[in-house]
Amino acid sequence: MKDPFPIAPIPALSKAVQPLADYLSLPTLPLHIHEVLIIAAFYHFILVVVSPVVSSRLFPAQYKSLSKSKKLNWDVHVVSLVQSTQINALALWVIFTDDERWDMDAQERVYGYTGGAALIQALAAGYFLWDLLITAANVNIFGLGMLAHAISALLVYSFGFRPFVNFYSTTFILWELSSPFLNVHWFCDKLGLTGSRIQLYNGIALIFTFFSCRLVWGTYNSYKVYNDVWPVLGTKPLYIPSTPEAAQNLGVGVPERYGSTMRFVDDSTVIPLWLGAIYLGANLTLNSLNFYWFVKMIQAVQKRFDPSKKGEAEEKTIQDGAATTTSIHVKSEITTRPRRGTILDGEEGDQPPPVI
């Protein structure tokens, strides 16, 4: 599948990034750097223009009464809602329409490349680039932990430009199918809809998607990626298209698609132990944390609807200048950071670790 992004690579930009790509062994980065930067700029436009304008018109009392830092929190959640909805839809589309991806074997799942899967990986990298810049510029609000997460997430998604497990970029991004519901839940709390039917139905959808996509789908594919990556650590691919033997073998038991999917493989291609350890270790850690967060998330949802917990909810008046609004403040053990991939959110208290 060719890269479906409507804007072709920009030659001057690709040329400018080529030395960095060569130094870091990221041969597909020049093909996708424009997508990374365009999507990062798009999210920033939503943050500074779209969200303030739309939020002020739809929810003038609630939004205008917020302090500067809490407006940033709100705007970042708007970006998160847009981003998670967009990338989930695109990832599902690529999974169902990319025939090359469907036919990939174990070698291709580790070393292979398709334009569709690479687009999803580039869009994810663009989001985390934006996330890193926003977190670094507001580290006093988000904290050093969130800064470390933004750096780590950008690094992990950048591995796909080697390319490395390009196949799994669409697979693991579907962990985020629960993220739109996480953001809706957060907005329900901020708009005084805590305990409402809207939040109840959204909570059911949240728990269902989190369980299905992170615990079931995520665990299954964590097992698959381990089986694909671990056996090839430190070894070269079985097929290297740049060799004369490869050209001959294309007609002797080697799939024709290898000429396309394995085109970035050469004599220097190898998956070093450090890369496999980082990727598999991060995947195992995040997948394990998903089980912990699932339990805590259920507890947080229950507190919003359990009659015995109603005493924990109290009306809180928010004042900022002349504007005064009333919201519901729910004391919960679980809060989240103001961005994609979080559990149930509040703005105070301890925050659970972020997830990719």
Protein backbone atom coordinates (compact mmCIF):
# COMPACT_ATOMS: atom_id res chain seq x y z
CA MET A 1 0.00 0.00 0.00
CA LYS A 2 1.35 3.40 -0.96
CA ASP A 3 1.37 6.19 1.57
CA PRO A 4 -2.16 7.67 1.31
CA PHE A 5 -1.21 11.05 2.80
CA PRO A 6 -2.50 13.69 0.33
CA ILE A 7 0.70 15.77 0.43
CA ALA A 8 3.79 14.27 -1.22
CA PRO A 9 7.21 14.44 0.45
CA ILE A 10 8.77 17.90 0.23
CA PRO A 11 12.17 17.49 -1.49
CA ALA A 12 13.90 20.34 0.33
CA LEU A 13 12.66 19.09 3.71
CA SER A 14 13.61 15.49 2.95
CA LYS A 15 17.08 16.62 1.87
CA ALA A 16 17.50 18.70 5.01
CA VAL A 17 16.69 15.80 7.31
CA GLN A 18 18.68 13.21 5.34
CA PRO A 19 21.96 13.64 7.31
CA LEU A 20 20.11 13.13 10.60
CA ALA A 21 18.30 10.11 9.17
CA ASP A 22 21.61 8.60 8.03
CA TYR A 23 23.25 9.23 11.39
CA LEU A 24 20.38 7.67 13.35
CA SER A 25 19.80 4.83 10.85
CA LEU A 26 16.26 5.97 10.06
CA PRO A 27 16.05 5.54 6.27
CA THR A 28 12.29 6.17 5.95
CA LEU A 29 12.32 9.40 7.96
CA PRO A 30 12.91 11.63 4.87
CA LEU A 31 9.79 10.13 3.28
CA HIS A 32 7.59 10.99 6.26
CA ILE A 33 9.14 14.01 7.99
CA HIS A 34 6.62 16.32 6.31
CA GLU A 35 3.76 14.28 7.79
CA VAL A 36 5.30 14.44 11.26
CA LEU A 37 5.67 18.23 11.11
CA ILE A 38 2.33 18.93 9.41
CA ILE A 39 0.35 16.90 11.94
CA ALA A 40 2.24 18.47 14.86
CA ALA A 41 1.41 21.92 13.48
CA PHE A 42 -2.22 20.86 12.99
CA TYR A 43 -2.57 19.84 16.63
CA HIS A 44 -0.99 23.09 17.77
CA PHE A 45 -3.49 25.02 15.63
CA ILE A 46 -6.31 23.18 17.40
CA LEU A 47 -4.73 24.01 20.76
CA VAL A 48 -4.24 27.76 20.25
CA VAL A 49 -7.07 28.61 17.83
CA VAL A 50 -9.80 26.01 17.40
CA SER A 51 -10.28 24.93 21.01
CA PRO A 52 -10.38 28.45 22.54
CA VAL A 53 -12.83 29.70 19.91
CA VAL A 54 -15.15 26.68 19.91
CA SER A 55 -15.03 26.19 23.69
CA SER A 56 -15.78 29.86 24.35
CA ARG A 57 -18.86 29.69 22.16
CA LEU A 58 -20.20 26.29 23.24
CA PHE A 59 -19.35 26.53 26.96
CA PRO A 60 -18.77 30.22 27.67
CA ALA A 61 -19.44 30.12 31.42
CA GLN A 62 -17.30 27.07 32.13
CA TYR A 63 -14.40 27.85 29.81
CA LYS A 64 -14.01 31.57 30.40
CA SER A 65 -14.01 31.13 34.15
CA LEU A 66 -10.94 28.88 34.07
CA SER A 67 -7.48 30.03 35.02
CA LYS A 68 -4.78 30.14 32.36
CA SER A 69 -3.31 26.77 33.36
CA LYS A 70 -6.72 25.10 33.49
CA LYS A 71 -7.61 26.51 30.08
CA LEU A 72 -4.45 24.87 28.78
CA ASN A 73 -5.57 21.64 30.44
CA TRP A 74 -8.96 21.92 28.72
CA ASP A 75 -7.45 22.76 25.32
CA VAL A 76 -5.05 19.83 25.50
CA HIS A 77 -8.01 17.52 26.15
CA VAL A 78 -9.67 18.90 23.01
CA VAL A 79 -6.53 18.08 21.03
CA SER A 80 -6.49 14.62 22.61
CA LEU A 81 -10.11 14.00 21.62
CA VAL A 82 -9.46 15.04 18.02
CA GLN A 83 -6.18 13.13 17.78
CA SER A 84 -7.38 9.85 19.27
CA THR A 85 -10.54 9.82 17.13
CA GLN A 86 -8.60 10.64 13.97
CA ILE A 87 -5.76 8.16 14.34
CA ASN A 88 -8.04 5.31 15.41
CA ALA A 89 -10.21 5.78 12.32
CA LEU A 90 -7.17 5.92 10.03
CA ALA A 91 -5.53 2.91 11.67
CA LEU A 92 -8.66 0.78 11.23
CA TRP A 93 -8.90 1.89 7.61
CA VAL A 94 -5.27 0.91 6.93
CA ILE A 95 -5.69 -2.46 8.67
CA PHE A 96 -8.70 -3.38 6.53
CA THR A 97 -7.46 -2.00 3.18
CA ASP A 98 -3.69 -2.62 3.16
CA ASP A 99 -3.38 -5.96 1.34
CA GLU A 100 0.42 -6.03 1.69
CA ARG A 101 0.07 -5.77 5.43
CA TRP A 102 -2.42 -8.65 5.54
CA ASP A 103 0.04 -10.91 3.70
CA MET A 104 3.14 -10.10 5.77
CA ASP A 105 5.11 -12.97 7.28
CA ALA A 106 7.30 -12.83 10.41
CA GLN A 107 10.27 -11.35 8.53
CA GLU A 108 8.13 -8.58 7.08
CA ARG A 109 6.43 -7.84 10.38
CA VAL A 110 9.86 -7.04 11.85
CA TYR A 111 11.79 -5.54 8.89
CA GLY A 112 9.03 -4.77 6.40
CA TYR A 113 7.42 -1.53 5.31
CA THR A 114 4.14 -0.38 3.79
CA GLY A 115 3.20 3.23 3.16
CA GLY A 116 -0.11 2.92 5.02
CA ALA A 117 1.38 1.55 8.23
CA ALA A 118 4.22 4.06 8.00
CA LEU A 119 1.69 6.91 7.80
CA ILE A 120 0.08 5.82 11.08
CA GLN A 121 3.50 5.61 12.68
CA ALA A 122 4.39 9.09 11.37
CA LEU A 123 1.13 10.60 12.65
CA ALA A 124 1.77 9.09 16.08
CA ALA A 125 5.31 10.49 16.06
CA GLY A 126 3.92 13.89 15.08
CA TYR A 127 1.55 13.84 18.02
CA PHE A 128 4.31 12.95 20.47
CA LEU A 129 6.57 15.62 18.99
CA TRP A 130 3.81 18.15 19.69
CA ASP A 131 3.26 16.58 23.11
CA LEU A 132 6.96 16.94 23.92
CA LEU A 133 7.08 20.61 22.93
CA ILE A 134 3.95 21.48 24.92
CA THR A 135 5.10 19.54 27.98
CA ALA A 136 8.61 21.06 27.87
CA ALA A 137 7.18 24.58 27.53
CA ASN A 138 4.82 23.99 30.48
CA VAL A 139 6.83 21.64 32.66
CA ASN A 140 5.71 23.58 35.73
CA ILE A 141 2.16 22.45 34.97
CA PHE A 142 2.70 18.92 33.66
CA GLY A 143 5.76 17.93 35.69
CA LEU A 144 9.00 16.12 34.96
CA GLY A 145 7.28 12.74 34.81
CA MET A 146 5.13 13.83 31.89
CA LEU A 147 8.18 15.32 30.18
CA ALA A 148 10.01 12.00 30.53
CA HIS A 149 6.98 10.20 29.08
CA ALA A 150 6.80 12.54 26.09
CA ILE A 151 10.49 11.97 25.33
CA SER A 152 10.18 8.20 25.71
CA ALA A 153 7.06 7.95 23.55
CA LEU A 154 8.63 10.00 20.74
CA LEU A 155 11.75 7.81 20.82
CA VAL A 156 9.76 4.57 20.73
CA TYR A 157 7.62 5.68 17.80
CA SER A 158 10.71 6.95 15.98
CA PHE A 159 12.07 3.39 15.87
CA GLY A 160 9.51 2.74 13.13
CA PHE A 161 11.56 4.85 10.74
CA ARG A 162 14.36 2.20 10.71
CA PRO A 163 11.85 0.62 9.73
CA PHE A 164 11.29 -1.62 12.76
CA VAL A 165 7.98 -3.44 13.44
CA ASN A 166 6.28 -1.04 11.05
CA PHE A 167 3.51 -3.66 10.86
CA TYR A 168 2.62 -3.15 14.52
CA SER A 169 2.20 0.63 14.32
CA THR A 170 -1.46 0.18 13.37
CA THR A 171 -1.89 -2.72 15.79
CA PHE A 172 -0.84 -1.02 19.01
CA ILE A 173 -2.29 2.39 18.17
CA LEU A 174 -5.68 0.69 18.56
CA TRP A 175 -5.02 0.67 22.30
CA GLU A 176 -6.27 4.23 21.94
CA LEU A 177 -9.82 3.25 20.97
CA SER A 178 -10.72 3.92 24.59
CA SER A 179 -9.16 7.40 24.59
CA PRO A 180 -12.11 9.31 23.07
CA PHE A 181 -14.30 7.96 25.87
CA LEU A 182 -11.67 8.96 28.44
CA ASN A 183 -11.83 12.53 27.18
CA VAL A 184 -15.64 12.59 27.13
CA HIS A 185 -15.60 11.36 30.73
CA TRP A 186 -13.26 14.19 31.68
CA PHE A 187 -15.45 16.81 29.99
CA CYS A 188 -18.55 15.41 31.74
CA ASP A 189 -16.90 16.16 35.09
CA LYS A 190 -15.94 19.68 34.01
CA LEU A 191 -19.41 20.47 32.64
CA GLY A 192 -21.31 19.40 35.75
CA LEU A 193 -22.48 16.11 34.24
CA THR A 194 -20.89 13.88 36.87
CA GLY A 195 -23.21 10.93 37.53
CA SER A 196 -25.43 11.76 34.55
CA ARG A 197 -26.79 9.24 32.08
CA ILE A 198 -24.39 10.57 29.46
CA GLN A 199 -21.46 9.81 31.70
CA LEU A 200 -22.93 6.42 32.59
CA TYR A 201 -23.32 5.32 28.97
CA ASN A 202 -19.92 6.76 28.12
CA GLY A 203 -18.43 4.93 31.13
CA ILE A 204 -19.83 1.62 29.90
CA ALA A 205 -18.31 2.23 26.47
CA LEU A 206 -15.04 3.27 28.11
CA ILE A 207 -14.76 0.10 30.19
CA PHE A 208 -15.73 -2.11 27.25
CA THR A 209 -13.24 -0.57 24.81
CA PHE A 210 -10.47 -0.46 27.40
CA PHE A 211 -10.96 -4.13 28.24
CA SER A 212 -11.31 -5.23 24.62
CA CYS A 213 -8.55 -3.15 23.04
CA ARG A 214 -5.95 -2.99 25.79
CA LEU A 215 -6.37 -6.18 27.79
CA VAL A 216 -7.55 -8.64 25.12
CA TRP A 217 -6.18 -7.19 21.87
CA GLY A 218 -3.11 -5.71 23.54
CA THR A 219 -2.09 -8.88 25.38
CA TYR A 220 -2.57 -11.03 22.29
CA ASN A 221 -0.43 -8.75 20.12
CA SER A 222 2.22 -8.32 22.81
CA TYR A 223 2.63 -12.08 22.64
CA LYS A 224 2.81 -11.92 18.83
CA VAL A 225 5.40 -9.14 18.70
CA TYR A 226 7.56 -10.99 21.22
CA ASN A 227 7.46 -14.12 19.07
CA ASP A 228 8.40 -12.08 16.00
CA VAL A 229 11.19 -9.94 17.47
CA TRP A 230 12.97 -12.12 20.01
CA PRO A 231 14.14 -14.87 17.58
CA VAL A 232 15.76 -12.35 15.16
CA LEU A 233 17.66 -10.19 17.65
CA GLY A 234 21.25 -9.72 16.51
CA THR A 235 20.67 -11.53 13.20
CA LYS A 236 20.31 -10.31 9.64
CA PRO A 237 17.11 -10.72 7.62
CA LEU A 238 16.76 -13.88 5.56
CA TYR A 239 16.13 -11.74 2.49
CA ILE A 240 18.34 -8.80 1.51
CA PRO A 241 17.05 -7.27 -1.73
CA SER A 242 20.26 -5.43 -2.57
CA THR A 243 22.17 -8.67 -3.25
CA PRO A 244 22.29 -10.44 -6.63
CA GLU A 245 21.04 -13.62 -4.98
CA ALA A 246 17.88 -11.84 -3.89
CA ALA A 247 17.02 -10.84 -7.43
CA GLN A 248 17.35 -14.48 -8.53
CA ASN A 249 15.40 -15.80 -5.55
CA LEU A 250 12.38 -13.60 -6.28
CA GLY A 251 11.34 -16.20 -8.80
CA VAL A 252 12.25 -19.16 -6.59
CA GLY A 253 9.97 -19.37 -3.58
CA VAL A 254 10.39 -15.73 -2.47
CA PRO A 255 7.16 -13.70 -2.49
CA GLU A 256 7.12 -10.99 -5.14
CA ARG A 257 5.88 -8.49 -2.55
CA TYR A 258 9.32 -8.69 -0.87
CA GLY A 259 10.59 -6.39 -3.62
CA SER A 260 8.34 -3.71 -2.13
CA THR A 261 7.88 -4.53 1.55
CA MET A 262 11.56 -5.36 2.18
CA ARG A 263 13.07 -2.60 0.03
CA PHE A 264 14.70 -0.82 2.98
CA VAL A 265 16.61 -3.92 4.05
CA ASP A 266 20.34 -3.99 3.21
CA ASP A 267 23.55 -5.67 4.36
CA SER A 268 23.74 -3.46 7.45
CA THR A 269 20.20 -4.25 8.61
CA VAL A 270 20.10 -5.89 12.02
CA ILE A 271 17.96 -5.60 15.13
CA PRO A 272 20.42 -4.84 17.96
CA LEU A 273 19.82 -6.29 21.39
CA TRP A 274 19.33 -2.83 22.95
CA LEU A 275 16.54 -2.01 20.49
CA GLY A 276 14.71 -5.27 21.07
CA ALA A 277 15.11 -4.97 24.83
CA ILE A 278 13.77 -1.40 24.91
CA TYR A 279 10.80 -2.15 22.68
CA LEU A 280 9.78 -5.44 24.26
CA GLY A 281 10.44 -4.13 27.76
CA ALA A 282 8.31 -1.02 27.19
CA ASN A 283 5.56 -3.11 25.63
CA LEU A 284 5.52 -5.57 28.53
CA THR A 285 5.52 -2.75 31.10
CA LEU A 286 2.68 -0.84 29.49
CA ASN A 287 0.64 -3.97 28.90
CA SER A 288 1.01 -4.92 32.56
CA LEU A 289 0.03 -1.43 33.68
CA ASN A 290 -3.12 -1.67 31.58
CA PHE A 291 -4.42 -4.37 33.93
CA TYR A 292 -3.71 -2.19 36.97
CA TRP A 293 -5.31 0.86 35.39
CA PHE A 294 -8.38 -1.15 34.38
CA VAL A 295 -9.09 -2.02 38.01
CA LYS A 296 -8.53 1.56 39.16
CA MET A 297 -10.67 2.89 36.33
CA ILE A 298 -13.61 0.69 37.35
CA GLN A 299 -13.26 1.94 40.92
CA ALA A 300 -13.29 5.55 39.74
CA VAL A 301 -16.39 5.01 37.58
CA GLN A 302 -18.18 3.30 40.46
CA LYS A 303 -17.57 6.30 42.72
CA ARG A 304 -19.51 8.49 40.32
CA PHE A 305 -22.62 6.28 40.44
CA ASP A 306 -22.50 4.44 43.79
CA PRO A 307 -25.10 6.08 46.11
CA SER A 308 -22.91 5.30 49.12
CA LYS A 309 -20.19 7.47 47.59
CA LYS A 310 -22.35 10.50 46.98
CA GLY A 311 -20.92 12.18 50.01
CA GLU A 312 -17.64 12.36 48.18
CA ALA A 313 -19.10 14.67 45.56
CA GLU A 314 -19.54 18.29 46.45
CA GLU A 315 -20.39 21.43 44.59
CA LYS A 316 -17.40 23.58 43.91
CA THR A 317 -17.67 27.20 42.83
CA ILE A 318 -15.11 28.31 40.29
CA GLN A 319 -14.42 32.03 40.23
CA ASP A 320 -12.23 33.88 37.81
CA GLY A 321 -12.78 37.62 37.70
CA ALA A 322 -16.46 38.41 37.38
CA ALA A 323 -17.44 34.99 35.98
CA THR A 324 -18.86 32.43 38.39
CA THR A 325 -19.97 28.94 37.56
CA THR A 326 -20.80 25.83 39.54
CA SER A 327 -19.28 22.48 38.79
CA ILE A 328 -19.15 19.10 40.42
CA HIS A 329 -15.84 18.17 42.01
CA VAL A 330 -15.45 14.47 42.57
CA LYS A 331 -12.76 13.30 44.94
CA SER A 332 -11.25 10.20 43.45
CA GLU A 333 -8.17 8.10 43.90
CA ILE A 334 -7.67 8.24 40.15
CA THR A 335 -6.83 11.34 38.17
CA THR A 336 -5.08 11.76 34.87
CA ARG A 337 -2.67 13.93 33.02
CA PRO A 338 -4.27 16.32 30.51
CA ARG A 339 -3.64 14.47 27.29
CA ARG A 340 -4.35 11.36 25.27
CA GLY A 341 -4.02 7.94 26.83
CA THR A 342 -5.00 8.71 30.38
CA ILE A 343 -7.29 7.12 32.92
CA LEU A 344 -10.04 9.08 34.65
CA ASP A 345 -9.03 12.63 35.13
CA GLY A 346 -9.10 15.39 37.66
CA GLU A 347 -6.70 18.25 38.05
CA GLU A 348 -5.43 17.66 41.53
CA GLY A 349 -4.08 14.69 43.39
CA ASP A 350 -1.79 11.91 42.33
CA GLN A 351 -1.67 10.99 38.66
CA PRO A 352 -1.30 7.48 37.27
CA PRO A 353 1.53 6.81 34.84
CA PRO A 354 0.75 7.82 31.25
CA VAL A 355 0.26 5.23 28.55
CA ILE A 356 1.10 5.12 24.88
